[in-house]
Amino acid sequence: MVAYKGDEEELNVKNFLMGNKYAKAYSNGLKLLRTKKVNVSNNRLNENGTMNILKGLNKQTVEDVDLSNNKMGIEGVKYLADVIVKGIDGFNLRILKLE
């Protein structure tokens, strides 16, 4: 995981350029965090990387996710549609940034 200082309610790994391999490992630790905001924008993620991040989030606490400047792919879009429309996986998501 990333050690950081500052607001414990936000995890900002914007511009880390982690790519898909690191995103998979990184997502394993996300479930342990109780942050409300997660910013993984501009990390060279494709469909697999964004899906790993989304599925790795602590769904009970995360309210704000920024996936901007990553390639979600069709499966990522379908998963997010299910989360938003059907409320699957118990997400508490209120803000989603994709631009």
Protein backbone atom coordinates (compact mmCIF):
# COMPACT_ATOMS: atom_id res chain seq x y z
CA MET A 1 0.00 0.00 0.00
CA VAL A 2 0.92 3.62 -0.15
CA ALA A 3 1.92 5.43 3.03
CA TYR A 4 0.70 8.99 2.96
CA LYS A 5 0.21 11.97 5.18
CA GLY A 6 -2.84 14.15 5.33
CA ASP A 7 -6.54 13.51 5.22
CA GLU A 8 -7.29 9.92 6.21
CA GLU A 9 -10.62 10.14 4.43
CA GLU A 10 -8.97 10.44 1.01
CA LEU A 11 -6.52 8.24 -0.85
CA ASN A 12 -5.01 10.09 -3.79
CA VAL A 13 -2.80 8.11 -6.14
CA LYS A 14 -3.48 10.35 -9.13
CA ASN A 15 -0.77 10.27 -11.82
CA PHE A 16 1.11 7.31 -10.31
CA LEU A 17 0.96 5.61 -13.74
CA MET A 18 0.69 2.28 -11.96
CA GLY A 19 -0.65 0.30 -14.90
CA ASN A 20 -2.67 -2.90 -14.70
CA LYS A 21 -0.19 -5.18 -12.91
CA TYR A 22 0.20 -2.81 -9.99
CA ALA A 23 -3.52 -2.05 -9.98
CA LYS A 24 -4.25 -5.71 -9.31
CA ALA A 25 -1.88 -5.83 -6.34
CA TYR A 26 -3.02 -2.41 -5.16
CA SER A 27 -6.68 -3.41 -5.23
CA ASN A 28 -6.03 -6.18 -2.70
CA GLY A 29 -5.21 -3.58 -0.06
CA LEU A 30 -8.06 -1.19 -0.89
CA LYS A 31 -10.63 -3.31 0.97
CA LEU A 32 -8.74 -2.66 4.20
CA LEU A 33 -8.96 1.12 3.91
CA ARG A 34 -11.82 3.08 5.40
CA THR A 35 -11.37 6.12 3.16
CA LYS A 36 -14.34 7.96 1.67
CA LYS A 37 -12.55 9.26 -1.43
CA VAL A 38 -10.30 7.32 -3.80
CA ASN A 39 -8.57 9.06 -6.71
CA VAL A 40 -6.87 6.72 -9.19
CA SER A 41 -7.08 9.05 -12.18
CA ASN A 42 -4.43 8.98 -14.90
CA ASN A 43 -2.88 5.62 -14.03
CA ARG A 44 -2.70 3.97 -17.49
CA LEU A 45 -5.41 1.48 -16.54
CA ASN A 46 -7.38 -0.48 -19.09
CA GLU A 47 -10.52 -2.55 -18.56
CA ASN A 48 -8.76 -5.11 -16.35
CA GLY A 49 -7.05 -2.52 -14.17
CA THR A 50 -10.16 -0.43 -13.60
CA MET A 51 -12.21 -3.55 -12.82
CA ASN A 52 -9.61 -4.64 -10.25
CA ILE A 53 -9.73 -1.23 -8.60
CA LEU A 54 -13.55 -1.11 -8.57
CA LYS A 55 -13.91 -4.59 -7.16
CA GLY A 56 -11.20 -3.93 -4.58
CA LEU A 57 -12.82 -0.87 -3.03
CA ASN A 58 -14.22 -0.98 0.48
CA LYS A 59 -17.79 -0.65 -0.69
CA GLN A 60 -19.16 0.28 2.73
CA THR A 61 -17.05 3.42 3.14
CA VAL A 62 -16.11 4.71 -0.33
CA GLU A 63 -18.43 7.48 -1.50
CA ASP A 64 -16.30 9.27 -4.11
CA VAL A 65 -14.23 7.59 -6.85
CA ASP A 66 -12.20 9.31 -9.57
CA LEU A 67 -11.28 7.04 -12.50
CA SER A 68 -10.63 9.87 -14.98
CA ASN A 69 -8.13 9.35 -17.81
CA ASN A 70 -8.21 5.56 -17.63
CA LYS A 71 -9.78 3.18 -20.13
CA MET A 72 -12.72 1.48 -18.45
CA GLY A 73 -13.81 -0.67 -21.35
CA ILE A 74 -17.24 -2.15 -21.87
CA GLU A 75 -17.07 -4.50 -18.86
CA GLY A 76 -16.19 -1.62 -16.56
CA VAL A 77 -19.11 0.40 -17.88
CA LYS A 78 -21.49 -2.56 -17.47
CA TYR A 79 -20.30 -3.14 -13.91
CA LEU A 80 -20.75 0.53 -12.99
CA ALA A 81 -24.21 0.55 -14.57
CA ASP A 82 -25.17 -2.41 -12.39
CA VAL A 83 -23.76 -0.68 -9.32
CA ILE A 84 -25.66 2.53 -10.03
CA VAL A 85 -28.95 1.15 -11.38
CA LYS A 86 -29.31 -2.13 -9.48
CA GLY A 87 -27.32 -1.27 -6.39
CA ILE A 88 -25.24 -4.47 -6.55
CA ASP A 89 -22.29 -5.14 -4.26
CA GLY A 90 -23.60 -2.80 -1.55
CA PHE A 91 -21.76 0.27 -2.87
CA ASN A 92 -22.27 3.52 -0.97
CA LEU A 93 -21.08 5.46 -4.05
CA ARG A 94 -22.30 9.05 -4.32
CA ILE A 95 -19.74 10.69 -6.66
CA LEU A 96 -18.13 9.06 -9.69
CA LYS A 97 -15.70 10.96 -11.93
CA LEU A 98 -14.95 9.45 -15.33
CA GLU A 99 -14.04 12.40 -17.56
